[in-house]
Amino acid sequence: MSVRNTPIGFNIPRALSSFIVILIVIGVGIAVLAAVSSNFFYLLSRVDQGEIGVQLRGGTISNVVGPGVYSDFGLYVELVRVSTKAIPFNVEDPEIITSDKQRIGLVVSGDIFRPTAVNRDVYRQKWEQYRDLYVSDEVLKSRVEAQARQAMKVCVGQRKFDESIIGSARDALRQCIDDELSMQAENYGLDIQNVTVPNVELSPEVQAGLDAIVQSRLSTEKAAQDKLKADAEAAAEQARQEGEIRVEQSRIQEQTRQQTTLAKLEQEKLQAQKEVIQAQKANDLLAAQQDLEINKAQAAAAREKAKVDLAQQIALAELYATNPGYLQLQIAVANASALKETDKIIFTPQGMMPQLVLAGPGVIPTVTTTTTATPTPK
C-alpha cells in the first residue's frame, strides 16, 4: 500500500468551494422557509399613522384596520399597508382645442386621497380590481393624471376661448375639471381634492391675438368711459343749471307765497276792521235808536210837563177867548200896572217912528214927531 502525497495548497480551494456551497444552500433554505412561513403568519406588524392595514386570509379581505400593531396566524394570511396621505399630482397639456378652434395649454394640480378605514366597504368591493392603485403611488398618480387630462379636454372642448381663460371663466373651468375628475375617481373609490388651474399657456399667435383683443377692448372701454364721463359732466352741468333754476323758482314761489300770505293777512285785517266798523255802526245805530227813543220819551215827558206848566195859562187863554171884555180889562190893568210915575208917554201918529234925543251937555232933549225938524220943548 502506497501513500500518495497531495500538496496542501491544492486542498484549500476545494474546502472553500464546499463552504460556499453550504452557505448558498443555507440561504436558499432560509429564503424558502421565510417564503413558506410568511404565508402562514405575521407577527407584531405595525400600521403607522397615515396608513390603514388590509388584513387578508386566503386572498380575501378579512378586515380593514387603522394604525396599530397586529398579528395573525392562518393559511395564506397577509397584512397590506395602504397610505391614506394626500398624494399630489400635477398635469400639463400644452395643446387643448376650445370649441371655437383656439389652442391653449393648461396645467392642473390637486391631491389624491385613498379610502380610510371608515370606508372599508370600498376596499372590500374594489380591492381585487384596483389593488395596484391602493398599494402603489406611481400607479395611482399615473391613472389619475390620465383621468385629469381627459377631464381637461372635455371641459375646455365644450367652452369657447373667452370662457376658458378670462376672468371668472377660469374658475368655472376649474370647477368643471374638478367635477369631471371627481366623478371619474369615484369609480376607483378615490377622493380628489384641492383641484386648481394655476396656469393657462397660450401660443405666441394666440397670445398676440389676445393682446390685440384686450387692447381693443381697453380702447373701447376707454372710449365708453370717456363718453360716460362726458355724459356725467353734461348731466352734472345740467343738474347744476336746473338746480339754480329750481332755486330761483323756489325763491319766486316763496316770495309769491309770502306776498299771498301778506295779502291774505291784509284782507283778513280789513275784513276784521270792516266787521269792527260794522259792529261799531251797529252799536252806534243801536245807541242812536236808543237815544231817539229816549229823546222821544223826554219830548213826550216835556210836552206833558209843558201841558202841566201851561195848564193855567191855557185855561186863562180859553177864558180870554170866550170873554173878550175880560181880556180888555186885563190888558188895561196890565198897562196901568206897567206905568210908573217916572214914565213918559209919547203919542205919535200912526205910521210914524219917534226920534229920541237924550240929554247931554248943552243938549236939550227933544222928540221929533213930524217930518219937519221943528223941535218941541217939554
Protein backbone atom coordinates (compact mmCIF):
# COMPACT_ATOMS: atom_id res chain seq x y z
CA MET A 1 0.00 0.00 0.00
CA SER A 2 1.42 3.27 -1.03
CA VAL A 3 0.52 6.71 0.27
CA ARG A 4 0.05 9.45 -2.30
CA ASN A 5 1.33 12.71 -1.18
CA THR A 6 -1.13 15.68 -2.02
CA PRO A 7 0.13 19.22 -1.78
CA ILE A 8 -1.57 21.30 0.91
CA GLY A 9 -2.18 24.27 -1.44
CA PHE A 10 -4.29 22.07 -3.72
CA ASN A 11 -6.83 21.12 -0.91
CA ILE A 12 -7.64 24.67 0.37
CA PRO A 13 -9.70 25.84 -2.69
CA ARG A 14 -11.75 22.63 -2.55
CA ALA A 15 -12.66 23.31 1.09
CA LEU A 16 -13.58 26.89 0.29
CA SER A 17 -15.84 25.79 -2.51
CA SER A 18 -17.60 23.37 -0.22
CA PHE A 19 -18.13 26.13 2.34
CA ILE A 20 -19.64 28.45 -0.24
CA VAL A 21 -21.98 25.74 -1.43
CA ILE A 22 -23.11 25.16 2.09
CA LEU A 23 -23.79 28.85 2.61
CA ILE A 24 -25.81 29.00 -0.57
CA VAL A 25 -27.84 26.01 0.45
CA ILE A 26 -28.48 27.55 3.87
CA GLY A 27 -29.54 30.89 2.33
CA VAL A 28 -31.88 29.22 -0.09
CA GLY A 29 -33.32 27.20 2.72
CA ILE A 30 -33.85 30.27 4.84
CA ALA A 31 -35.48 32.07 1.93
CA VAL A 32 -37.74 29.16 1.21
CA LEU A 33 -38.56 28.86 4.86
CA ALA A 34 -39.28 32.58 5.11
CA ALA A 35 -41.44 32.46 1.99
CA VAL A 36 -43.34 29.50 3.24
CA SER A 37 -43.69 30.85 6.78
CA SER A 38 -44.88 34.30 5.56
CA ASN A 39 -47.89 32.61 4.04
CA PHE A 40 -48.95 31.27 7.43
CA PHE A 41 -48.46 34.12 9.92
CA TYR A 42 -47.34 37.70 10.56
CA LEU A 43 -46.29 38.77 13.98
CA LEU A 44 -46.34 42.25 15.54
CA SER A 45 -46.72 44.01 12.19
CA ARG A 46 -47.12 47.74 12.61
CA VAL A 47 -49.54 50.08 10.80
CA ASP A 48 -48.37 53.70 11.16
CA GLN A 49 -50.30 56.95 11.29
CA GLY A 50 -51.48 57.99 7.83
CA GLU A 51 -51.93 54.31 6.88
CA ILE A 52 -54.58 51.63 7.05
CA GLY A 53 -53.98 47.90 7.17
CA VAL A 54 -55.79 45.48 4.89
CA GLN A 55 -55.85 42.02 6.51
CA LEU A 56 -56.12 39.15 4.02
CA ARG A 57 -56.92 35.49 4.52
CA GLY A 58 -56.61 33.26 1.51
CA GLY A 59 -56.53 36.33 -0.74
CA THR A 60 -59.82 37.68 0.64
CA ILE A 61 -60.11 40.77 2.87
CA SER A 62 -60.94 39.74 6.40
CA ASN A 63 -60.73 43.23 7.90
CA VAL A 64 -59.54 46.82 7.33
CA VAL A 65 -57.83 48.32 10.38
CA GLY A 66 -56.42 51.65 11.42
CA PRO A 67 -52.99 52.47 12.91
CA GLY A 68 -51.73 49.89 15.43
CA VAL A 69 -49.77 46.61 15.85
CA TYR A 70 -51.33 43.40 14.52
CA SER A 71 -50.59 39.66 14.39
CA ASP A 72 -52.37 36.79 12.66
CA PHE A 73 -51.92 33.06 12.00
CA GLY A 74 -53.59 31.03 9.32
CA LEU A 75 -53.46 29.79 5.76
CA TYR A 76 -52.09 32.45 3.44
CA VAL A 77 -52.57 35.37 5.84
CA GLU A 78 -51.22 38.80 4.89
CA LEU A 79 -51.26 42.39 6.15
CA VAL A 80 -51.04 45.00 3.39
CA ARG A 81 -50.31 48.59 4.38
CA VAL A 82 -52.09 51.33 2.36
CA SER A 83 -51.17 55.03 2.66
CA THR A 84 -54.07 57.42 3.25
CA LYS A 85 -51.94 60.56 2.99
CA ALA A 86 -52.51 63.09 0.24
CA ILE A 87 -50.70 62.25 -2.96
CA PRO A 88 -50.18 65.39 -5.05
CA PHE A 89 -50.44 65.32 -8.82
CA ASN A 90 -49.65 67.86 -11.49
CA VAL A 91 -50.76 67.51 -15.11
CA GLU A 92 -49.84 69.67 -18.08
CA ASP A 93 -51.35 69.55 -21.54
CA PRO A 94 -49.70 72.05 -23.92
CA GLU A 95 -52.38 71.92 -26.57
CA ILE A 96 -56.12 71.67 -25.98
CA ILE A 97 -58.63 72.86 -28.58
CA THR A 98 -61.55 75.05 -27.46
CA SER A 99 -64.98 74.88 -29.07
CA ASP A 100 -64.11 77.89 -31.25
CA LYS A 101 -60.92 76.17 -32.52
CA GLN A 102 -58.40 78.03 -30.34
CA ARG A 103 -55.34 76.27 -28.85
CA ILE A 104 -54.44 76.73 -25.23
CA GLY A 105 -52.15 74.95 -22.80
CA LEU A 106 -53.39 74.01 -19.36
CA VAL A 107 -51.85 72.98 -16.04
CA VAL A 108 -54.00 71.24 -13.41
CA SER A 109 -52.91 70.17 -9.93
CA GLY A 110 -54.58 68.60 -6.93
CA ASP A 111 -54.43 65.96 -4.21
CA ILE A 112 -55.47 62.28 -4.30
CA PHE A 113 -56.82 60.54 -1.21
CA ARG A 114 -57.35 56.77 -0.86
CA PRO A 115 -60.23 55.43 1.25
CA THR A 116 -59.72 55.39 5.02
CA ALA A 117 -60.62 52.66 7.48
CA VAL A 118 -64.09 54.18 7.73
CA ASN A 119 -64.62 53.29 4.06
CA ARG A 120 -63.69 49.60 4.49
CA ASP A 121 -66.61 48.59 2.27
CA VAL A 122 -64.88 50.36 -0.64
CA TYR A 123 -61.84 48.14 -0.13
CA ARG A 124 -63.98 45.01 0.08
CA GLN A 125 -65.71 45.89 -3.22
CA LYS A 126 -62.81 47.22 -5.26
CA TRP A 127 -59.67 45.54 -3.86
CA GLU A 128 -59.44 42.85 -6.44
CA GLN A 129 -59.82 45.31 -9.34
CA TYR A 130 -57.74 48.23 -8.12
CA ARG A 131 -55.24 46.77 -5.66
CA ASP A 132 -52.34 48.31 -7.59
CA LEU A 133 -53.89 51.77 -7.23
CA TYR A 134 -54.11 51.34 -3.47
CA VAL A 135 -50.61 49.99 -2.86
CA SER A 136 -48.57 51.87 -5.50
CA ASP A 137 -48.35 55.67 -5.53
CA GLU A 138 -46.86 55.70 -9.02
CA VAL A 139 -49.66 53.61 -10.48
CA LEU A 140 -52.22 55.78 -8.70
CA LYS A 141 -50.69 59.06 -9.96
CA SER A 142 -50.44 57.71 -13.49
CA ARG A 143 -54.11 56.70 -13.52
CA VAL A 144 -55.35 59.99 -12.02
CA GLU A 145 -53.17 62.10 -14.30
CA ALA A 146 -54.65 60.31 -17.31
CA GLN A 147 -58.13 60.99 -15.99
CA ALA A 148 -57.18 64.65 -15.36
CA ARG A 149 -56.03 65.06 -18.98
CA GLN A 150 -59.31 63.63 -20.14
CA ALA A 151 -61.25 66.00 -17.87
CA MET A 152 -59.21 68.97 -19.17
CA LYS A 153 -60.04 68.10 -22.78
CA VAL A 154 -63.72 67.62 -22.01
CA CYS A 155 -64.10 70.90 -20.10
CA VAL A 156 -62.03 73.03 -22.46
CA GLY A 157 -63.54 71.44 -25.55
CA GLN A 158 -67.08 72.46 -24.58
CA ARG A 159 -66.13 76.09 -23.95
CA LYS A 160 -65.09 78.99 -26.10
CA PHE A 161 -61.72 80.62 -25.75
CA ASP A 162 -63.04 83.54 -23.66
CA GLU A 163 -64.93 81.13 -21.41
CA SER A 164 -61.74 79.26 -20.59
CA ILE A 165 -59.16 81.87 -19.67
CA ILE A 166 -60.71 85.27 -18.99
CA GLY A 167 -61.86 86.45 -15.58
CA SER A 168 -64.25 84.32 -13.59
CA ALA A 169 -64.47 81.91 -16.55
CA ARG A 170 -61.25 80.28 -15.35
CA ASP A 171 -62.85 79.43 -12.02
CA ALA A 172 -65.79 77.90 -13.87
CA LEU A 173 -63.30 75.87 -15.91
CA ARG A 174 -61.56 74.73 -12.72
CA GLN A 175 -64.88 73.68 -11.21
CA CYS A 176 -65.74 71.73 -14.34
CA ILE A 177 -62.41 69.86 -14.23
CA ASP A 178 -62.85 69.21 -10.51
CA ASP A 179 -66.36 67.81 -11.00
CA GLU A 180 -65.33 65.69 -14.01
CA LEU A 181 -62.24 64.33 -12.29
CA SER A 182 -64.08 63.60 -9.03
CA MET A 183 -66.76 61.72 -10.94
CA GLN A 184 -64.10 59.54 -12.59
CA ALA A 185 -62.26 58.99 -9.29
CA GLU A 186 -65.41 57.69 -7.62
CA ASN A 187 -65.16 54.64 -9.85
CA TYR A 188 -61.92 53.76 -8.04
CA GLY A 189 -63.13 54.73 -4.58
CA LEU A 190 -60.75 57.71 -4.59
CA ASP A 191 -61.30 61.28 -3.43
CA ILE A 192 -59.86 64.22 -5.41
CA GLN A 193 -59.46 67.50 -3.56
CA ASN A 194 -57.80 70.91 -3.90
CA VAL A 195 -58.03 70.97 -7.69
CA THR A 196 -56.50 74.15 -9.13
CA VAL A 197 -55.70 75.56 -12.55
CA PRO A 198 -52.53 77.52 -11.74
CA ASN A 199 -51.57 78.31 -15.28
CA VAL A 200 -53.03 78.67 -18.77
CA GLU A 201 -50.45 78.68 -21.53
CA LEU A 202 -51.06 80.36 -24.88
CA SER A 203 -49.20 80.02 -28.15
CA PRO A 204 -47.43 83.17 -29.40
CA GLU A 205 -50.04 83.63 -32.13
CA VAL A 206 -52.92 83.26 -29.69
CA GLN A 207 -51.17 85.49 -27.17
CA ALA A 208 -50.68 88.20 -29.81
CA GLY A 209 -54.30 87.93 -30.88
CA LEU A 210 -55.45 88.03 -27.26
CA ASP A 211 -53.31 91.09 -26.61
CA ALA A 212 -54.87 92.77 -29.63
CA ILE A 213 -58.34 91.85 -28.40
CA VAL A 214 -57.55 93.10 -24.91
CA GLN A 215 -56.13 96.33 -26.31
CA SER A 216 -59.19 96.79 -28.48
CA ARG A 217 -61.44 96.15 -25.53
CA LEU A 218 -59.47 98.57 -23.42
CA SER A 219 -59.74 101.20 -26.13
CA THR A 220 -63.45 100.54 -26.47
CA GLU A 221 -63.94 100.62 -22.73
CA LYS A 222 -61.87 103.81 -22.50
CA ALA A 223 -63.99 105.41 -25.21
CA ALA A 224 -67.10 104.26 -23.38
CA GLN A 225 -65.72 105.58 -20.12
CA ASP A 226 -64.86 108.90 -21.79
CA LYS A 227 -68.39 109.07 -23.14
CA LEU A 228 -69.80 108.21 -19.74
CA LYS A 229 -67.57 110.88 -18.20
CA ALA A 230 -68.69 113.47 -20.75
CA ASP A 231 -72.31 112.46 -20.24
CA ALA A 232 -71.84 112.62 -16.50
CA GLU A 233 -70.25 116.07 -16.70
CA ALA A 234 -73.03 117.27 -19.03
CA ALA A 235 -75.62 115.79 -16.71
CA ALA A 236 -73.90 117.44 -13.75
CA GLU A 237 -73.87 120.80 -15.51
CA GLN A 238 -77.48 120.37 -16.50
CA ALA A 239 -78.32 119.36 -12.96
CA ARG A 240 -76.47 122.43 -11.66
CA GLN A 241 -78.36 124.73 -14.02
CA GLU A 242 -81.63 123.03 -13.25
CA GLY A 243 -80.78 123.38 -9.58
CA GLU A 244 -80.18 127.11 -9.98
CA ILE A 245 -83.45 127.43 -11.90
CA ARG A 246 -85.26 125.47 -9.23
CA VAL A 247 -83.67 127.65 -6.53
CA GLU A 248 -84.77 130.78 -8.37
CA GLN A 249 -88.22 129.34 -8.92
CA SER A 250 -88.35 128.39 -5.27
CA ARG A 251 -87.34 131.93 -4.31
CA ILE A 252 -90.01 133.43 -6.58
CA GLN A 253 -92.56 130.94 -5.35
CA GLU A 254 -91.60 131.73 -1.78
CA GLN A 255 -91.90 135.45 -2.43
CA THR A 256 -95.26 134.88 -4.12
CA ARG A 257 -96.35 132.70 -1.26
CA GLN A 258 -95.27 135.30 1.27
CA GLN A 259 -96.96 138.07 -0.70
CA THR A 260 -100.09 135.94 -0.98
CA THR A 261 -99.91 135.29 2.73
CA LEU A 262 -99.45 139.00 3.46
CA ALA A 263 -102.31 139.88 1.10
CA LYS A 264 -104.46 137.30 2.78
CA LEU A 265 -103.50 138.65 6.19
CA GLU A 266 -104.20 142.20 4.99
CA GLN A 267 -107.54 141.07 3.61
CA GLU A 268 -108.30 139.36 6.88
CA LYS A 269 -107.24 142.54 8.69
CA LEU A 270 -109.51 144.69 6.50
CA GLN A 271 -112.32 142.19 6.95
CA ALA A 272 -111.78 142.33 10.70
CA GLN A 273 -111.72 146.13 10.60
CA LYS A 274 -114.87 146.09 8.46
CA GLU A 275 -116.53 143.80 10.92
CA VAL A 276 -115.40 146.09 13.75
CA ILE A 277 -116.75 149.14 11.89
CA GLN A 278 -119.96 147.35 11.12
CA ALA A 279 -120.22 146.31 14.70
CA GLN A 280 -119.42 149.88 15.78
CA LYS A 281 -122.02 151.24 13.36
CA ALA A 282 -124.49 148.73 14.60
CA ASN A 283 -123.67 149.78 18.14
CA ASP A 284 -123.90 153.48 17.15
CA LEU A 285 -127.20 152.85 15.35
CA LEU A 286 -128.48 150.99 18.33
CA ALA A 287 -127.28 153.81 20.58
CA ALA A 288 -128.85 156.39 18.24
CA GLN A 289 -132.06 154.43 18.22
CA GLN A 290 -131.89 154.21 21.95
CA ASP A 291 -131.12 157.98 22.16
CA LEU A 292 -134.01 158.68 19.79
CA GLU A 293 -136.34 156.64 21.90
CA ILE A 294 -135.02 158.40 24.97
CA ASN A 295 -135.43 161.83 23.30
CA LYS A 296 -138.90 160.85 22.17
CA ALA A 297 -139.72 159.82 25.68
CA GLN A 298 -138.14 163.01 27.05
CA ALA A 299 -140.04 165.11 24.49
CA ALA A 300 -143.25 163.39 25.40
CA ALA A 301 -142.48 163.97 29.04
CA ALA A 302 -141.60 167.60 28.30
CA ARG A 303 -144.88 168.03 26.42
CA GLU A 304 -146.73 166.57 29.27
CA LYS A 305 -144.81 168.78 31.70
CA ALA A 306 -145.40 171.80 29.49
CA LYS A 307 -149.06 170.94 29.41
CA VAL A 308 -148.98 170.81 33.16
CA ASP A 309 -146.98 174.04 33.39
CA LEU A 310 -149.19 175.84 30.84
CA ALA A 311 -152.44 174.43 32.04
CA GLN A 312 -153.20 177.61 33.98
CA GLN A 313 -152.19 179.80 31.09
CA ILE A 314 -154.17 177.67 28.64
CA ALA A 315 -157.15 177.97 30.92
CA LEU A 316 -156.69 181.77 31.01
CA ALA A 317 -156.31 181.84 27.23
CA GLU A 318 -159.52 179.92 26.84
CA LEU A 319 -161.15 182.31 29.33
CA TYR A 320 -159.88 185.33 27.44
CA ALA A 321 -161.03 183.79 24.18
CA THR A 322 -164.53 183.24 25.49
CA ASN A 323 -164.71 186.61 27.35
CA PRO A 324 -163.21 189.43 25.25
CA GLY A 325 -164.30 192.01 27.71
CA TYR A 326 -162.45 190.37 30.44
CA LEU A 327 -159.41 190.29 28.14
CA GLN A 328 -159.62 194.06 27.58
CA LEU A 329 -159.89 194.59 31.25
CA GLN A 330 -156.83 192.54 31.90
CA ILE A 331 -154.95 194.48 29.18
CA ALA A 332 -155.90 197.76 30.74
CA VAL A 333 -154.93 196.51 34.14
CA ALA A 334 -151.64 195.33 32.79
CA ASN A 335 -150.94 198.60 31.08
CA ALA A 336 -151.87 200.58 34.14
CA SER A 337 -149.73 198.34 36.25
CA ALA A 338 -146.81 198.80 33.88
CA LEU A 339 -146.69 202.63 34.10
CA LYS A 340 -144.66 204.33 36.79
CA GLU A 341 -144.59 207.91 37.90
CA THR A 342 -141.36 208.49 36.12
CA ASP A 343 -142.57 207.04 32.85
CA LYS A 344 -143.37 209.32 29.95
CA ILE A 345 -145.87 208.63 27.27
CA ILE A 346 -145.37 209.80 23.74
CA PHE A 347 -148.30 209.77 21.35
CA THR A 348 -147.40 209.79 17.65
CA PRO A 349 -149.43 209.48 14.52
CA GLN A 350 -149.90 206.05 13.16
CA GLY A 351 -147.01 205.01 11.00
CA MET A 352 -144.51 207.49 12.48
CA MET A 353 -141.34 206.46 14.30
CA PRO A 354 -140.46 208.82 17.19
CA GLN A 355 -136.86 210.02 17.42
CA LEU A 356 -135.38 210.42 20.86
CA VAL A 357 -132.58 212.83 21.67
CA LEU A 358 -131.04 212.11 25.00
CA ALA A 359 -129.92 214.99 27.24
CA GLY A 360 -126.33 215.84 27.40
CA PRO A 361 -124.03 218.82 27.94
CA GLY A 362 -125.62 221.72 26.01
CA VAL A 363 -128.33 219.47 24.53
CA ILE A 364 -131.97 219.90 25.27
CA PRO A 365 -133.90 216.66 24.95
CA THR A 366 -136.34 216.78 22.14
CA VAL A 367 -138.69 214.41 20.45
CA THR A 368 -139.40 214.71 16.73
CA THR A 369 -142.87 213.64 15.81
CA THR A 370 -143.27 215.16 12.36
CA THR A 371 -141.44 215.22 9.08
CA THR A 372 -140.26 218.76 9.92
CA ALA A 373 -137.28 219.29 12.13
CA THR A 374 -139.12 221.71 14.44
CA PRO A 375 -138.24 220.78 17.97
CA THR A 376 -140.95 220.74 20.62
CA PRO A 377 -139.87 221.82 24.08
CA LYS A 378 -141.02 219.78 27.06
